[in-house]
Amino acid sequence: MTLVMGIDGGGSTLRAAVADARGGPPLAMSAAGAGNARSVPETVLAERLAQVVAEAVPPGRTADVRCVVAGFAGSGVPGRAGDRGQGVAGRALSAALLRNGVTGARVRVAADSEIAFAGAPGTPPDGLVVISGTGAAAARMRGHRLAATADGCGWLTGDDGSGFWIAREGVRRALRAADGRGPATLLVDRLAEAFDAPAADPVSVRFALVDGALAASGPALARYCPVVVGAAADGDAVAGLILDEAADLLAESARALRPRHGEPLVTAGGLLGRPGPLLERFTRRASRWGLVPHPVRDGLAGAVALARTLPVQT
């Protein structure tokens, strides 16, 4: 049996799956820590990749793995000069495969948007994909390849509508409420509690919010996104407005790629995959273009599907 391997290097989790090249569900799956090719050090990424490859490939079957497709958050357009994420991902993957004896396979390093889009029914070659998880981006695909992007610029300079963005806005608006500069919100007490620093007086709460956000260190702040989602579900108007604005920003990124009526639209990531808390909001916005999103949990199934389209290395 010829095997293929798909790898999804997400901003929070790195996952791998091995499957029969002819079709069917994965034979084995594995997972490790974050797999972003820009924010995870190359040596750490290589170690995590080696781990998931070792755990996913059945014993004694390394020679049967003939095609590998690995998509990474933080990895840009393949072949573009100067793309640090692509370089890190490629080197780390090569080291991990070699370490595990997977030496006869055809390998493709892809962007996370490419493997996410490939998870649509029938693995369509062309269309749009919008991702919102730790980060956020929209992309247009042509011939299974990334043709154009909007956002995906990282937590410091973009990723509008992402988990990081939602968490940061939650902290900012909680601070405004604590200062009396904005409307009251459940986010004040809930975020202070989430930061393990509940306090009774406004000054202490304010410091708890600031210190907690700073301690989260950049994109790790996204882990507090569920606090905002939970407050919105409980009827908090401020939290609900944050989610509305996040959906608007994601729709703005998609609109920049000129959606075409009826074309495939895939949504992925913890916030837009099923049953992501932004999916319903985004679906309403996408209906303006005559599009119905197909949500996927992540890019792993798409990575396997793309691996099945590669010619087998002989």
Protein backbone atom coordinates (compact mmCIF):
# COMPACT_ATOMS: atom_id res chain seq x y z
CA MET A 1 0.00 0.00 0.00
CA THR A 2 1.34 3.43 -1.00
CA LEU A 3 0.93 5.99 1.79
CA VAL A 4 0.64 9.76 1.80
CA MET A 5 1.18 12.18 4.67
CA GLY A 6 -0.50 15.48 5.39
CA ILE A 7 0.81 17.96 7.96
CA ASP A 8 -0.95 21.06 9.29
CA GLY A 9 1.37 23.48 11.10
CA GLY A 10 -1.16 25.69 12.85
CA GLY A 11 -0.51 28.66 15.08
CA SER A 12 -1.53 26.65 18.15
CA THR A 13 -1.14 22.99 17.15
CA LEU A 14 0.96 20.94 14.73
CA ARG A 15 -0.88 17.85 13.40
CA ALA A 16 -0.01 15.03 11.01
CA ALA A 17 -1.95 12.23 9.36
CA VAL A 18 -0.96 9.23 7.25
CA ALA A 19 -3.44 7.71 4.80
CA ASP A 20 -3.77 5.30 1.89
CA ALA A 21 -2.93 7.14 -1.33
CA ARG A 22 -6.03 5.68 -2.98
CA GLY A 23 -8.46 7.28 -0.52
CA GLY A 24 -10.19 6.65 2.78
CA PRO A 25 -9.78 8.07 6.29
CA PRO A 26 -6.40 8.50 7.97
CA LEU A 27 -4.70 5.36 9.22
CA ALA A 28 -3.00 7.28 12.02
CA MET A 29 -2.82 10.82 13.38
CA SER A 30 -0.58 12.72 15.78
CA ALA A 31 -0.18 16.19 17.29
CA ALA A 32 2.37 18.41 19.01
CA GLY A 33 2.78 22.08 19.97
CA ALA A 34 2.50 25.18 17.80
CA GLY A 35 3.72 24.94 14.19
CA ASN A 36 3.90 28.54 12.95
CA ALA A 37 6.99 28.78 10.74
CA ARG A 38 7.65 32.41 11.70
CA SER A 39 7.06 32.41 15.44
CA VAL A 40 8.42 28.94 16.36
CA PRO A 41 12.24 28.61 16.34
CA GLU A 42 13.50 26.37 13.55
CA THR A 43 15.07 23.82 15.88
CA VAL A 44 11.87 23.57 17.93
CA LEU A 45 9.75 23.22 14.80
CA ALA A 46 12.03 20.47 13.48
CA GLU A 47 11.76 18.61 16.78
CA ARG A 48 7.96 18.83 16.80
CA LEU A 49 7.77 17.73 13.19
CA ALA A 50 10.01 14.76 13.92
CA GLN A 51 7.69 13.83 16.78
CA VAL A 52 4.46 13.94 14.76
CA VAL A 53 6.02 12.10 11.81
CA ALA A 54 7.33 9.35 14.10
CA GLU A 55 3.93 8.96 15.78
CA ALA A 56 1.87 9.05 12.57
CA VAL A 57 3.84 6.63 10.35
CA PRO A 58 2.97 3.00 11.15
CA PRO A 59 5.95 0.93 12.32
CA GLY A 60 8.05 -0.33 9.44
CA ARG A 61 6.14 1.69 6.84
CA THR A 62 8.44 4.69 6.29
CA ALA A 63 9.42 3.45 2.81
CA ASP A 64 5.74 3.36 1.82
CA VAL A 65 5.26 7.12 2.43
CA ARG A 66 5.63 8.46 -1.11
CA CYS A 67 4.01 11.94 -0.99
CA VAL A 68 4.06 14.55 1.78
CA VAL A 69 2.23 17.89 1.82
CA ALA A 70 2.84 20.16 4.78
CA GLY A 71 1.14 23.53 5.23
CA PHE A 72 2.34 26.03 7.79
CA ALA A 73 0.98 29.19 9.33
CA GLY A 74 3.59 31.88 8.77
CA SER A 75 4.68 30.34 5.46
CA GLY A 76 4.08 32.59 2.47
CA VAL A 77 4.05 32.01 -1.27
CA PRO A 78 6.26 29.00 -2.14
CA GLY A 79 9.37 29.96 -4.09
CA ARG A 80 9.21 33.66 -3.24
CA ALA A 81 12.69 34.96 -2.52
CA GLY A 82 13.26 36.17 1.00
CA ASP A 83 10.27 34.39 2.58
CA ARG A 84 11.73 33.42 5.93
CA GLY A 85 8.73 31.29 6.89
CA GLN A 86 9.07 29.14 3.77
CA GLY A 87 12.76 28.62 4.41
CA VAL A 88 12.28 27.65 8.05
CA ALA A 89 9.40 25.29 7.22
CA GLY A 90 11.27 23.59 4.40
CA ARG A 91 14.45 23.01 6.37
CA ALA A 92 12.64 21.84 9.50
CA LEU A 93 10.47 19.42 7.52
CA SER A 94 13.45 18.00 5.60
CA ALA A 95 15.30 17.38 8.86
CA ALA A 96 12.28 15.71 10.44
CA LEU A 97 11.62 13.40 7.49
CA LEU A 98 15.28 12.42 7.23
CA ARG A 99 15.43 11.72 10.95
CA ASN A 100 12.49 9.32 10.59
CA GLY A 101 13.77 7.62 7.44
CA VAL A 102 11.16 9.10 5.09
CA THR A 103 13.60 9.65 2.22
CA GLY A 104 11.81 8.52 -0.93
CA ALA A 105 8.80 10.81 -0.85
CA ARG A 106 7.79 13.72 -3.06
CA VAL A 107 7.45 16.70 -0.70
CA ARG A 108 5.54 19.95 -1.03
CA VAL A 109 5.68 22.77 1.51
CA ALA A 110 2.51 24.84 1.29
CA ALA A 111 0.87 27.81 2.92
CA ASP A 112 -1.78 27.07 5.55
CA SER A 113 -4.39 28.66 3.29
CA GLU A 114 -3.59 26.17 0.50
CA ILE A 115 -4.20 23.10 2.62
CA ALA A 116 -7.27 24.63 4.27
CA PHE A 117 -8.90 25.31 0.90
CA ALA A 118 -8.11 21.79 -0.30
CA GLY A 119 -10.38 20.48 2.46
CA ALA A 120 -13.45 21.54 0.47
CA PRO A 121 -15.56 18.74 -1.06
CA GLY A 122 -13.93 17.44 -4.21
CA THR A 123 -10.68 19.33 -3.57
CA PRO A 124 -11.56 22.20 -5.96
CA PRO A 125 -8.62 23.96 -7.65
CA ASP A 126 -9.98 27.53 -7.55
CA GLY A 127 -11.82 29.71 -5.05
CA LEU A 128 -11.49 31.60 -1.77
CA VAL A 129 -10.48 30.64 1.74
CA VAL A 130 -10.79 32.70 4.92
CA ILE A 131 -8.98 31.60 8.07
CA SER A 132 -9.46 32.88 11.60
CA GLY A 133 -7.73 31.17 14.48
CA THR A 134 -4.75 32.51 16.41
CA GLY A 135 -4.12 34.65 13.30
CA ALA A 136 -6.32 35.57 10.33
CA ALA A 137 -6.02 35.81 6.55
CA ALA A 138 -7.97 35.47 3.31
CA ALA A 139 -6.58 33.98 0.11
CA ARG A 140 -7.51 33.22 -3.48
CA MET A 141 -6.52 29.87 -4.98
CA ARG A 142 -5.85 29.04 -8.61
CA GLY A 143 -4.89 25.52 -9.59
CA HIS A 144 -4.46 24.46 -5.94
CA ARG A 145 -1.90 27.24 -5.51
CA LEU A 146 -1.93 30.50 -3.59
CA ALA A 147 -2.58 33.32 -6.08
CA ALA A 148 -3.40 36.33 -3.88
CA THR A 149 -3.77 37.15 -0.20
CA ALA A 150 -5.35 39.75 2.06
CA ASP A 151 -4.05 40.29 5.60
CA GLY A 152 -2.25 37.42 7.33
CA CYS A 153 0.25 40.08 8.35
CA GLY A 154 0.91 38.78 11.86
CA TRP A 155 -0.34 39.85 15.26
CA LEU A 156 1.72 43.05 15.39
CA THR A 157 0.73 44.45 12.00
CA GLY A 158 -2.51 42.70 11.07
CA ASP A 159 -4.46 39.46 11.59
CA ASP A 160 -7.65 41.51 11.91
CA GLY A 161 -10.56 39.45 13.21
CA SER A 162 -8.31 36.74 14.64
CA GLY A 163 -8.32 35.17 18.09
CA PHE A 164 -5.47 37.48 19.05
CA TRP A 165 -7.38 40.51 17.77
CA ILE A 166 -10.53 39.54 19.69
CA ALA A 167 -8.61 38.96 22.92
CA ARG A 168 -6.70 42.22 22.59
CA GLU A 169 -9.90 44.15 21.91
CA GLY A 170 -11.47 42.48 24.93
CA VAL A 171 -8.66 43.71 27.16
CA ARG A 172 -8.71 47.20 25.65
CA ARG A 173 -12.44 47.62 26.13
CA ALA A 174 -12.31 46.15 29.60
CA LEU A 175 -9.71 48.78 30.45
CA ARG A 176 -11.90 51.51 29.02
CA ALA A 177 -14.77 50.30 31.15
CA ALA A 178 -12.58 50.09 34.25
CA ASP A 179 -11.44 53.68 33.67
CA GLY A 180 -14.93 54.98 33.03
CA ARG A 181 -14.07 55.75 29.39
CA GLY A 182 -16.39 53.12 27.96
CA PRO A 183 -19.59 51.19 28.69
CA ALA A 184 -19.75 48.63 31.48
CA THR A 185 -18.92 45.08 30.45
CA LEU A 186 -18.59 41.62 31.95
CA LEU A 187 -15.11 41.52 30.42
CA VAL A 188 -13.61 43.51 33.30
CA ASP A 189 -14.14 40.85 35.95
CA ARG A 190 -13.92 37.86 33.61
CA LEU A 191 -10.58 38.81 32.09
CA ALA A 192 -9.15 39.75 35.49
CA GLU A 193 -10.20 36.32 36.74
CA ALA A 194 -8.77 34.62 33.64
CA PHE A 195 -5.45 36.34 34.33
CA ASP A 196 -5.57 34.81 37.85
CA ALA A 197 -5.68 38.28 39.37
CA PRO A 198 -9.22 39.04 40.57
CA ALA A 199 -9.36 42.23 42.60
CA ALA A 200 -12.08 44.23 44.29
CA ASP A 201 -11.04 47.83 43.65
CA PRO A 202 -10.89 49.47 40.19
CA VAL A 203 -7.20 50.39 40.39
CA SER A 204 -6.16 46.80 41.15
CA VAL A 205 -8.39 45.49 38.37
CA ARG A 206 -6.78 47.90 35.94
CA PHE A 207 -3.29 46.73 36.81
CA ALA A 208 -4.42 43.10 36.68
CA LEU A 209 -5.69 43.58 33.12
CA VAL A 210 -2.55 45.37 31.92
CA ASP A 211 -0.15 42.94 33.58
CA GLY A 212 -2.11 39.90 32.43
CA ALA A 213 -2.11 41.04 28.81
CA LEU A 214 1.61 41.81 28.87
CA ALA A 215 2.42 38.47 30.49
CA ALA A 216 0.59 36.65 27.69
CA SER A 217 3.37 37.74 25.30
CA GLY A 218 2.10 38.58 21.83
CA PRO A 219 0.05 35.97 19.96
CA ALA A 220 -0.30 33.87 23.12
CA LEU A 221 -2.91 36.43 24.16
CA ALA A 222 -5.26 34.60 21.76
CA ARG A 223 -5.82 31.95 24.42
CA TYR A 224 -8.12 34.46 26.15
CA CYS A 225 -10.37 34.83 23.11
CA PRO A 226 -12.87 32.32 24.61
CA VAL A 227 -13.43 34.73 27.50
CA VAL A 228 -14.77 37.31 25.04
CA VAL A 229 -16.80 34.68 23.18
CA GLY A 230 -18.30 33.48 26.45
CA ALA A 231 -19.25 36.98 27.54
CA ALA A 232 -20.93 37.58 24.18
CA ALA A 233 -22.90 34.34 24.56
CA ASP A 234 -24.07 35.56 27.95
CA GLY A 235 -25.47 38.71 26.39
CA ASP A 236 -22.67 41.20 27.03
CA ALA A 237 -23.15 43.99 24.48
CA VAL A 238 -19.49 45.03 24.39
CA ALA A 239 -18.27 41.48 23.77
CA GLY A 240 -20.94 40.96 21.14
CA LEU A 241 -19.84 44.12 19.35
CA ILE A 242 -16.24 42.85 19.30
CA LEU A 243 -17.36 39.64 17.56
CA ASP A 244 -19.45 41.66 15.08
CA GLU A 245 -16.44 43.83 14.26
CA ALA A 246 -14.22 40.75 13.89
CA ALA A 247 -16.64 39.29 11.34
CA ASP A 248 -16.70 42.63 9.51
CA LEU A 249 -12.91 42.66 9.31
CA LEU A 250 -12.77 39.10 7.98
CA ALA A 251 -15.40 39.96 5.38
CA GLU A 252 -13.33 43.01 4.43
CA SER A 253 -10.31 40.78 3.77
CA ALA A 254 -12.43 38.44 1.64
CA ARG A 255 -13.95 41.34 -0.27
CA ALA A 256 -10.48 42.60 -1.18
CA LEU A 257 -10.05 39.41 -3.24
CA ARG A 258 -13.16 40.18 -5.35
CA PRO A 259 -15.49 37.28 -4.55
CA ARG A 260 -17.29 35.72 -7.52
CA HIS A 261 -20.89 34.63 -7.24
CA GLY A 262 -21.16 30.93 -6.48
CA GLU A 263 -17.45 30.13 -6.31
CA PRO A 264 -16.13 27.80 -3.59
CA LEU A 265 -15.54 29.50 -0.25
CA VAL A 266 -13.82 27.62 2.56
CA THR A 267 -13.58 28.86 6.13
CA ALA A 268 -11.13 27.41 8.62
CA GLY A 269 -9.59 27.93 12.04
CA GLY A 270 -11.02 27.82 15.53
CA LEU A 271 -13.25 30.84 14.93
CA LEU A 272 -14.53 30.11 11.40
CA GLY A 273 -14.41 26.32 11.20
CA ARG A 274 -17.46 24.40 12.38
CA PRO A 275 -18.80 25.26 14.92
CA GLY A 276 -16.70 28.44 15.21
CA PRO A 277 -18.22 31.37 17.08
CA LEU A 278 -17.76 33.71 14.09
CA LEU A 279 -19.11 31.32 11.46
CA GLU A 280 -22.75 32.44 11.60
CA ARG A 281 -21.80 36.12 11.55
CA PHE A 282 -19.42 35.63 8.63
CA THR A 283 -21.93 33.50 6.72
CA ARG A 284 -24.44 36.35 6.79
CA ARG A 285 -21.85 38.69 5.35
CA ALA A 286 -20.74 36.22 2.65
CA SER A 287 -24.35 35.84 1.48
CA ARG A 288 -24.09 39.35 0.02
CA TRP A 289 -21.75 37.89 -2.63
CA GLY A 290 -23.87 34.80 -3.29
CA LEU A 291 -21.42 32.58 -1.41
CA VAL A 292 -22.03 29.87 1.20
CA PRO A 293 -18.98 29.00 3.33
CA HIS A 294 -17.84 25.42 3.66
CA PRO A 295 -16.24 25.27 7.12
CA VAL A 296 -13.36 22.89 7.82
CA ARG A 297 -11.87 22.20 11.22
CA ASP A 298 -8.30 22.81 10.05
CA GLY A 299 -6.02 22.09 7.11
CA LEU A 300 -5.11 18.49 7.91
CA ALA A 301 -7.69 16.82 5.67
CA GLY A 302 -6.76 19.23 2.88
CA ALA A 303 -3.07 18.44 3.26
CA VAL A 304 -3.85 14.74 2.83
CA ALA A 305 -6.06 15.51 -0.17
CA LEU A 306 -3.31 17.56 -1.81
CA ALA A 307 -0.75 14.82 -1.12
CA ARG A 308 -3.00 12.44 -3.06
CA THR A 309 -2.82 14.75 -6.10
CA LEU A 310 0.99 14.65 -6.27
CA PRO A 311 2.69 12.28 -8.71
CA VAL A 312 4.36 9.46 -6.82
CA GLN A 313 8.14 9.71 -6.57
CA THR A 314 9.79 6.84 -8.45
